[in-house]
Amino acid sequence: MNPRLNPRLNQGLIVKLRPAGPWRSGPDSGARNRVDPIYHSDSLYAAVTAAMSSLGMRDAWLDATARNADGPAVRFSSCFPFLGETAFIVPPRSVWPPAAGTGASVSAGKTRWKSARFIPLHLVADLLAGQPPHDGQWAVDGASECLLPAGRPGPFRNNVRWSAAIDRLTGNAERHSTACIEFRRDAGLWAVVSFADEAAHARWSGLVRGALKLLADSGFGGERSRGWGRSAQPEFIEGMLPDLVLPAGQSPDLESPPRPLAPSPAQEPIEIASEADSPPPPLAPSPAQPLLRADGATSHWLLSLFTPGSGDTVDWKRGNYTVIARGGRIDSPAGFGERKKPLQMVTEGSVLVAGDSIHGAAPDVAPDGFAHPVFRAGFALSIPLPAQVTA
C-alpha cells in the first residue's frame, strides 16, 4: 500500500539481535543483583547516539532527532524477547490480562494470565478481535515472564555472575556480584525502527543499520568492558508500519501454531537509576480499567517509553497506562558519573487516548549547570488500535 494514501503508514525496520553472551539492563531501582528484561527505547536511542558519535555523525543525528522541532526523523521501540521465529511483546493494557467472563476458556481456567509480562505477538490480533487464549494450551514461564505454549522453555533466564576487585598494592580482594540475562541459543531481542517519511528513510536507514552493527560488536547496556551486551550481526526486516507489527486484516486462529515475527533472512553507558531520590509525581493518575474512546480520538498502543511533548493532546482521564521513573548516570568527559535528573515516563504496553498521532519529546535531563544537554528520548512509537477495542 502506498503510504501517501494512508498518512498512518510509514516505513519501518525490524531489528533482530542474537546475543553472543550475557546482557545487562539495569532495573529502575539500580540494584546490581537485579536486571530489567526490557532494554528500553531511551537506552537504545542513547546507544545509537553514541555509535553515531563514533561514526562522526553526532551533530547531524541530534539535529534530526532530539533537536528537531518538527519531530524526530527516526524513532525506536524498546527491545523485546523472541524465541525462534516467535516474537514476544508487552500487550496492550486495555486487553491484557483477559478479563474473566470474556470466554469460558478464561473464566474457568487456571493460567495466571496476569503474571505474563510478554505474550506472543500474534496473540494481540486475537485479543483485539475479542478471542481470548485457551486455558490449558498456555503457561507462564516464571524466569522470563513470557506466555508460552504449555511445556515450552522460555527465551531467557536471569543469572548472577561473580567477580572480584583486586587491590594491586595490598593484594586484597573484594568479591561482588552482578545480575545479567542469559539467552537460549535460538533466542534474542527484537525492536522496531520507524522513519518519519521517505526522505528520513533514505537519509538514515543505512546509518542506523551501521550504528546497530557497530553496537553488536561493542555491546549494549551495562558491563560492556566484560564483553557483555554483544550480539551476532543484526538481522533487518523492511516493511511498512503499523502492518509490520500488527498486520491489517489478520484473521485470528487460536488453534494454529505461533506465527513468526516475519520471514527471517539467512551504548549506552551503564544505566543506574537513582535509589535515594524520591521520584517526582506521576504525569496523571492511571485509571484502574480501560475507558471508552473519546469521539474523534485514537487509542495508541505504546511500544516505547513516552514523554508527552508540548503538542500532544493526551486525555489522561482515559486510556490505561502506567509510569516509571527513569534516572541513571552520565557518561561524558564533561562529568562522568553525574546523576541525570529523574524523569517520569509512560511505559510500554500503555494505551493512551489522544489525537490522530502522538509525538513525544526528548527533554534535557542533565544536572543544573552541566556543560551540555543530555537528552532522554521519550519519542512515541505507537500502534493505533481498532476503534472497537475501547468503544
Protein backbone atom coordinates (compact mmCIF):
# COMPACT_ATOMS: atom_id res chain seq x y z
CA MET A 1 0.00 0.00 0.00
CA ASN A 2 1.24 3.46 -0.88
CA PRO A 3 1.99 5.34 2.40
CA ARG A 4 0.91 8.59 0.78
CA LEU A 5 -2.64 7.20 0.57
CA ASN A 6 -2.65 6.46 4.27
CA PRO A 7 -0.89 9.00 6.49
CA ARG A 8 -0.70 6.47 9.31
CA LEU A 9 1.60 4.21 7.28
CA ASN A 10 5.31 4.90 7.32
CA GLN A 11 8.44 2.99 6.52
CA GLY A 12 9.89 0.88 9.28
CA LEU A 13 12.51 -1.67 10.09
CA ILE A 14 12.57 -4.62 12.46
CA VAL A 15 15.93 -5.39 14.04
CA LYS A 16 16.70 -8.83 15.48
CA LEU A 17 19.67 -9.19 17.82
CA ARG A 18 21.03 -12.62 18.75
CA PRO A 19 23.13 -12.14 21.93
CA ALA A 20 26.59 -13.69 21.99
CA GLY A 21 26.77 -13.70 25.80
CA PRO A 22 25.17 -12.13 28.89
CA TRP A 23 23.29 -8.85 28.68
CA ARG A 24 22.57 -6.36 31.42
CA SER A 25 19.95 -3.64 31.50
CA GLY A 26 19.77 -2.14 34.98
CA PRO A 27 16.40 -2.08 36.76
CA ASP A 28 14.68 1.11 37.88
CA SER A 29 15.94 0.54 41.43
CA GLY A 30 19.57 0.47 40.30
CA ALA A 31 20.18 -2.74 42.26
CA ARG A 32 23.11 -4.69 40.83
CA ASN A 33 21.62 -8.02 41.84
CA ARG A 34 18.57 -7.45 39.62
CA VAL A 35 18.09 -6.88 35.90
CA ASP A 36 15.36 -5.50 33.65
CA PRO A 37 14.31 -7.88 30.85
CA ILE A 38 13.40 -4.91 28.63
CA TYR A 39 16.13 -2.85 27.02
CA HIS A 40 14.13 0.37 26.94
CA SER A 41 13.77 2.69 23.98
CA ASP A 42 15.57 5.60 25.67
CA SER A 43 18.59 3.34 26.28
CA LEU A 44 18.51 2.12 22.67
CA TYR A 45 18.40 5.70 21.41
CA ALA A 46 21.31 6.65 23.65
CA ALA A 47 23.34 3.65 22.44
CA VAL A 48 22.68 4.54 18.79
CA THR A 49 23.62 8.16 19.54
CA ALA A 50 26.96 7.02 20.99
CA ALA A 51 27.54 4.90 17.88
CA MET A 52 26.66 7.85 15.63
CA SER A 53 29.26 9.88 17.50
CA SER A 54 31.86 7.21 16.73
CA LEU A 55 30.82 7.39 13.06
CA GLY A 56 31.27 11.19 13.04
CA MET A 57 27.52 11.84 12.75
CA ARG A 58 26.62 13.02 16.26
CA ASP A 59 25.55 16.60 15.49
CA ALA A 60 23.63 15.66 12.33
CA TRP A 61 21.90 12.85 14.24
CA LEU A 62 20.90 15.09 17.15
CA ASP A 63 19.68 17.77 14.74
CA ALA A 64 17.47 15.17 13.05
CA THR A 65 16.11 13.70 16.29
CA ALA A 66 16.37 15.29 19.74
CA ARG A 67 16.87 18.84 18.44
CA ASN A 68 14.35 18.61 15.59
CA ALA A 69 11.43 20.93 16.30
CA ASP A 70 9.30 19.12 13.70
CA GLY A 71 9.72 15.76 15.42
CA PRO A 72 12.39 13.09 15.15
CA ALA A 73 13.29 11.60 11.79
CA VAL A 74 13.83 8.23 13.49
CA ARG A 75 12.09 6.59 16.43
CA PHE A 76 12.88 3.37 18.30
CA SER A 77 10.72 0.93 20.17
CA SER A 78 12.06 -0.86 23.21
CA CYS A 79 13.71 -4.26 22.74
CA PHE A 80 11.53 -7.31 23.42
CA PRO A 81 12.43 -11.02 23.50
CA PHE A 82 11.96 -13.56 20.74
CA LEU A 83 12.36 -17.34 20.65
CA GLY A 84 12.95 -18.97 17.29
CA GLU A 85 10.59 -17.15 14.94
CA THR A 86 8.08 -16.24 17.67
CA ALA A 87 8.25 -12.62 18.79
CA PHE A 88 7.03 -11.56 22.24
CA ILE A 89 5.62 -8.16 23.12
CA VAL A 90 4.21 -6.22 26.07
CA PRO A 91 0.48 -6.46 25.23
CA PRO A 92 -1.94 -3.52 25.25
CA ARG A 93 -3.12 -2.93 28.81
CA SER A 94 -6.67 -2.41 27.56
CA VAL A 95 -6.98 -6.09 26.57
CA TRP A 96 -4.50 -7.81 28.90
CA PRO A 97 -4.90 -9.70 31.12
CA PRO A 98 -8.09 -11.11 29.59
CA ALA A 99 -10.97 -10.41 31.94
CA ALA A 100 -12.99 -13.23 33.46
CA GLY A 101 -16.21 -13.60 31.54
CA THR A 102 -14.70 -12.85 28.10
CA GLY A 103 -14.89 -16.56 27.35
CA ALA A 104 -15.16 -19.94 29.03
CA SER A 105 -11.50 -20.56 28.30
CA VAL A 106 -10.56 -17.64 30.54
CA SER A 107 -13.12 -17.74 33.32
CA ALA A 108 -12.77 -21.47 34.00
CA GLY A 109 -9.02 -21.71 33.58
CA LYS A 110 -6.11 -21.82 35.96
CA THR A 111 -3.47 -19.99 33.91
CA ARG A 112 -2.16 -16.93 35.74
CA TRP A 113 -2.55 -14.58 32.78
CA LYS A 114 -1.67 -11.55 34.89
CA SER A 115 1.81 -12.97 35.57
CA ALA A 116 2.74 -12.76 31.88
CA ARG A 117 4.68 -9.62 31.08
CA PHE A 118 5.25 -10.70 27.46
CA ILE A 119 2.90 -12.58 25.14
CA PRO A 120 3.39 -13.88 21.58
CA LEU A 121 2.85 -11.06 19.13
CA HIS A 122 0.26 -12.99 17.11
CA LEU A 123 -2.00 -13.25 20.19
CA VAL A 124 -2.50 -9.48 20.16
CA ALA A 125 -4.59 -9.72 16.98
CA ASP A 126 -6.69 -12.45 18.58
CA LEU A 127 -7.25 -10.36 21.71
CA LEU A 128 -8.21 -7.30 19.67
CA ALA A 129 -10.72 -9.49 17.82
CA GLY A 130 -12.28 -10.46 21.16
CA GLN A 131 -10.93 -14.01 21.18
CA PRO A 132 -9.08 -14.81 24.43
CA PRO A 133 -6.42 -17.53 24.62
CA HIS A 134 -7.47 -21.06 25.55
CA ASP A 135 -6.50 -22.09 29.03
CA GLY A 136 -4.57 -25.33 29.14
CA GLN A 137 -2.72 -24.55 25.93
CA TRP A 138 -0.57 -21.86 27.55
CA ALA A 139 1.67 -21.45 30.58
CA VAL A 140 3.67 -18.55 32.01
CA ASP A 141 7.41 -19.14 32.22
CA GLY A 142 8.41 -17.80 35.63
CA ALA A 143 12.01 -17.00 34.68
CA SER A 144 11.20 -14.83 31.65
CA GLU A 145 7.57 -13.86 32.41
CA CYS A 146 6.68 -14.95 28.86
CA LEU A 147 3.42 -16.65 27.92
CA LEU A 148 4.37 -19.83 26.08
CA PRO A 149 2.68 -22.94 24.72
CA ALA A 150 2.44 -25.36 27.64
CA GLY A 151 5.66 -27.28 28.15
CA ARG A 152 7.90 -24.94 26.15
CA PRO A 153 11.01 -23.36 27.74
CA GLY A 154 11.40 -19.58 27.98
CA PRO A 155 13.71 -17.48 25.79
CA PHE A 156 15.99 -16.37 28.64
CA ARG A 157 16.73 -16.62 32.33
CA ASN A 158 18.20 -14.28 34.92
CA ASN A 159 21.53 -15.19 36.47
CA VAL A 160 24.14 -13.65 38.76
CA ARG A 161 27.81 -13.54 37.76
CA TRP A 162 30.52 -13.15 40.39
CA SER A 163 33.83 -11.32 40.08
CA ALA A 164 36.47 -9.84 42.36
CA ALA A 165 38.18 -6.46 42.56
CA ILE A 166 41.90 -6.79 43.36
CA ASP A 167 43.94 -4.08 45.09
CA ARG A 168 47.27 -4.28 43.27
CA LEU A 169 49.16 -2.64 46.13
CA THR A 170 47.92 -4.74 49.03
CA GLY A 171 46.63 -7.81 47.23
CA ASN A 172 43.28 -7.55 49.00
CA ALA A 173 40.25 -8.78 47.05
CA GLU A 174 36.61 -7.82 47.28
CA ARG A 175 34.05 -10.18 45.80
CA HIS A 176 30.93 -8.74 44.20
CA SER A 177 28.07 -9.91 42.00
CA THR A 178 26.13 -8.51 39.04
CA ALA A 179 22.85 -9.78 37.61
CA CYS A 180 22.50 -10.47 33.91
CA ILE A 181 20.23 -12.10 31.34
CA GLU A 182 21.33 -15.30 29.60
CA PHE A 183 19.53 -16.18 26.35
CA ARG A 184 18.84 -19.53 24.78
CA ARG A 185 20.76 -20.31 21.61
CA ASP A 186 17.75 -19.61 19.37
CA ALA A 187 16.53 -16.55 21.29
CA GLY A 188 17.31 -12.86 21.40
CA LEU A 189 15.82 -9.37 21.28
CA TRP A 190 13.91 -7.52 18.59
CA ALA A 191 12.99 -3.87 18.15
CA VAL A 192 11.21 -1.61 15.70
CA VAL A 193 12.71 1.42 13.98
CA SER A 194 10.28 3.94 12.48
CA PHE A 195 11.21 6.61 9.92
CA ALA A 196 9.20 9.81 9.68
CA ASP A 197 8.95 9.77 5.87
CA GLU A 198 10.67 8.56 2.72
CA ALA A 199 13.35 11.27 2.96
CA ALA A 200 14.19 10.23 6.54
CA HIS A 201 14.36 6.60 5.46
CA ALA A 202 16.68 7.41 2.58
CA ARG A 203 18.90 9.57 4.78
CA TRP A 204 19.10 7.45 7.93
CA SER A 205 18.27 3.83 7.18
CA GLY A 206 21.83 2.90 6.17
CA LEU A 207 23.38 4.86 9.01
CA VAL A 208 21.07 3.31 11.63
CA ARG A 209 21.95 -0.13 10.31
CA GLY A 210 25.64 0.73 10.53
CA ALA A 211 25.29 2.05 14.07
CA LEU A 212 23.49 -1.13 15.18
CA LYS A 213 26.17 -3.30 13.57
CA LEU A 214 28.81 -1.31 15.46
CA LEU A 215 26.89 -1.78 18.70
CA ALA A 216 26.60 -5.51 18.08
CA ASP A 217 30.41 -5.62 18.24
CA SER A 218 30.93 -3.13 21.08
CA GLY A 219 27.90 -4.06 23.20
CA PHE A 220 24.60 -2.71 24.51
CA GLY A 221 23.82 -1.90 28.15
CA GLY A 222 26.00 -2.45 31.20
CA GLU A 223 29.24 -4.35 31.84
CA ARG A 224 30.43 -3.94 28.26
CA SER A 225 34.04 -3.95 29.44
CA ARG A 226 33.46 -7.59 30.43
CA GLY A 227 32.18 -8.44 26.96
CA TRP A 228 28.51 -8.30 27.91
CA GLY A 229 25.83 -6.93 25.62
CA ARG A 230 27.33 -8.16 22.34
CA SER A 231 25.46 -9.98 19.63
CA ALA A 232 25.84 -11.58 16.24
CA GLN A 233 25.36 -9.26 13.30
CA PRO A 234 21.80 -7.86 13.39
CA GLU A 235 19.11 -9.11 11.05
CA PHE A 236 16.91 -6.48 9.39
CA ILE A 237 13.37 -6.82 8.04
CA GLU A 238 11.94 -3.92 5.99
CA GLY A 239 8.25 -3.10 5.86
CA MET A 240 5.51 -0.57 6.48
CA LEU A 241 4.26 0.38 9.92
CA PRO A 242 2.00 -0.47 11.61
CA ASP A 243 1.42 -3.51 9.35
CA LEU A 244 4.96 -4.72 10.05
CA VAL A 245 3.95 -5.28 13.70
CA LEU A 246 0.15 -5.71 13.57
CA PRO A 247 -0.90 -6.74 10.05
CA ALA A 248 -4.19 -5.25 8.92
CA GLY A 249 -6.94 -7.79 8.35
CA GLN A 250 -5.04 -10.58 10.06
CA SER A 251 -7.53 -13.34 10.75
CA PRO A 252 -7.24 -14.81 14.23
CA ASP A 253 -6.73 -18.58 14.54
CA LEU A 254 -6.37 -19.79 18.09
CA GLU A 255 -5.62 -23.35 17.05
CA SER A 256 -2.72 -22.51 14.76
CA PRO A 257 0.89 -22.55 15.96
CA PRO A 258 2.50 -19.25 16.91
CA ARG A 259 3.06 -17.09 13.84
CA PRO A 260 6.54 -15.71 13.28
CA LEU A 261 7.51 -12.08 13.51
CA ALA A 262 8.42 -12.10 9.82
CA PRO A 263 10.43 -14.31 7.49
CA SER A 264 14.00 -14.22 8.76
CA PRO A 265 16.88 -13.61 6.36
CA ALA A 266 19.54 -16.36 6.25
CA GLN A 267 25.55 2.10 24.46
CA GLU A 268 24.54 3.48 26.12
CA PRO A 269 26.78 3.57 29.24
CA ILE A 270 25.69 1.66 32.31
CA GLU A 271 22.28 2.97 33.32
CA ILE A 272 21.94 3.07 37.10
CA ALA A 273 18.70 4.55 38.32
CA SER A 274 18.57 6.78 41.33
CA GLU A 275 17.90 4.87 44.54
CA ALA A 276 17.84 7.62 47.14
CA ASP A 277 15.95 10.29 45.24
CA SER A 278 12.19 10.25 45.55
CA PRO A 279 10.52 10.06 42.14
CA PRO A 280 8.59 13.10 41.01
CA PRO A 281 4.80 13.00 40.91
CA PRO A 282 3.30 10.90 38.10
CA LEU A 283 2.03 12.52 34.94
CA ALA A 284 -1.55 11.73 35.92
CA PRO A 285 -3.38 9.11 37.95
CA SER A 286 -3.73 5.86 36.00
CA PRO A 287 -7.25 4.51 35.64
CA ALA A 288 -7.87 1.09 37.10
CA GLN A 289 -9.50 -0.11 33.88
CA PRO A 290 -9.67 0.95 30.23
CA LEU A 291 -12.21 3.65 29.43
CA LEU A 292 -14.23 4.35 26.31
CA ARG A 293 -12.50 6.10 23.47
CA ALA A 294 -13.39 9.73 23.07
CA ASP A 295 -15.15 10.77 19.85
CA GLY A 296 -12.59 11.72 17.24
CA ALA A 297 -9.69 10.40 19.31
CA THR A 298 -7.44 7.39 18.76
CA SER A 299 -6.18 4.73 21.14
CA HIS A 300 -2.40 4.38 20.86
CA TRP A 301 -0.58 1.22 21.99
CA LEU A 302 2.93 2.22 23.07
CA LEU A 303 5.93 0.10 22.07
CA SER A 304 8.33 2.62 23.57
CA LEU A 305 8.71 4.78 26.64
CA PHE A 306 6.93 8.09 26.20
CA THR A 307 7.23 11.64 27.48
CA PRO A 308 4.47 13.97 26.22
CA GLY A 309 5.52 16.87 24.05
CA SER A 310 4.01 20.32 24.04
CA GLY A 311 1.82 19.46 21.03
CA ASP A 312 0.49 16.16 22.37
CA THR A 313 -3.17 16.24 23.41
CA VAL A 314 -3.44 13.15 25.61
CA ASP A 315 -6.63 12.62 27.58
CA TRP A 316 -5.08 11.46 30.87
CA LYS A 317 -8.51 10.65 32.31
CA ARG A 318 -8.94 7.90 29.74
CA GLY A 319 -6.81 5.07 28.50
CA ASN A 320 -4.91 2.52 30.54
CA TYR A 321 -1.29 3.29 31.38
CA THR A 322 1.46 3.19 33.97
CA VAL A 323 4.51 5.36 34.54
CA ILE A 324 8.05 4.68 35.75
CA ALA A 325 10.82 6.98 36.95
CA ARG A 326 13.94 6.84 34.77
CA GLY A 327 17.24 8.02 36.18
CA GLY A 328 20.84 7.00 35.59
CA ARG A 329 24.30 8.46 35.30
CA ILE A 330 26.08 10.43 32.60
CA ASP A 331 28.97 9.06 30.53
CA SER A 332 30.71 12.19 29.30
CA PRO A 333 34.19 13.74 29.62
CA ALA A 334 32.38 16.81 30.94
CA GLY A 335 31.28 14.93 34.06
CA PHE A 336 31.40 11.15 34.12
CA GLY A 337 29.08 9.60 36.70
CA GLU A 338 26.94 12.70 37.31
CA ARG A 339 23.34 11.82 38.05
CA LYS A 340 20.73 12.55 35.43
CA LYS A 341 17.56 14.26 36.56
CA PRO A 342 14.84 11.66 37.18
CA LEU A 343 12.00 11.72 34.69
CA GLN A 344 8.59 10.06 34.76
CA MET A 345 7.82 8.20 31.52
CA VAL A 346 4.78 6.26 30.32
CA THR A 347 5.64 2.58 29.93
CA GLU A 348 5.49 0.12 27.05
CA GLY A 349 2.10 -1.56 26.66
CA SER A 350 0.23 1.51 27.86
CA VAL A 351 -2.79 2.58 25.83
CA LEU A 352 -3.23 6.35 25.52
CA VAL A 353 -6.25 8.18 24.14
CA ALA A 354 -5.15 11.19 22.11
CA GLY A 355 -5.44 12.78 18.70
CA ASP A 356 -4.59 11.12 15.42
CA SER A 357 -0.96 10.76 16.50
CA ILE A 358 1.30 11.27 19.49
CA HIS A 359 4.85 12.51 19.16
CA GLY A 360 6.69 12.76 22.46
CA ALA A 361 9.76 14.75 23.40
CA ALA A 362 13.39 14.43 24.40
CA PRO A 363 13.85 16.64 27.49
CA ASP A 364 17.25 17.64 28.76
CA VAL A 365 17.96 15.66 31.95
CA ALA A 366 21.45 17.00 32.62
CA PRO A 367 22.01 18.35 36.14
CA ASP A 368 21.86 22.11 36.54
CA GLY A 369 24.99 23.82 35.27
CA PHE A 370 26.21 20.83 33.25
CA ALA A 371 28.41 21.61 30.26
CA HIS A 372 26.00 20.30 27.61
CA PRO A 373 22.46 18.90 27.27
CA VAL A 374 21.78 15.24 27.99
CA PHE A 375 18.66 14.13 26.13
CA ARG A 376 16.26 11.47 27.40
CA ALA A 377 14.38 10.12 24.36
CA GLY A 378 10.67 9.95 25.07
CA PHE A 379 9.55 9.77 21.44
CA ALA A 380 6.41 7.72 20.95
CA LEU A 381 6.49 4.67 18.74
CA SER A 382 2.88 3.54 18.89
CA ILE A 383 0.39 1.37 17.07
CA PRO A 384 -3.17 2.71 16.59
CA LEU A 385 -5.73 0.23 17.90
CA PRO A 386 -9.06 -0.60 16.29
CA ALA A 387 -11.99 1.54 17.41
CA GLN A 388 -13.89 -1.43 18.83
CA VAL A 389 -11.17 -2.05 21.43
CA THR A 390 -12.22 0.94 23.52
CA ALA A 391 -15.55 1.97 22.04
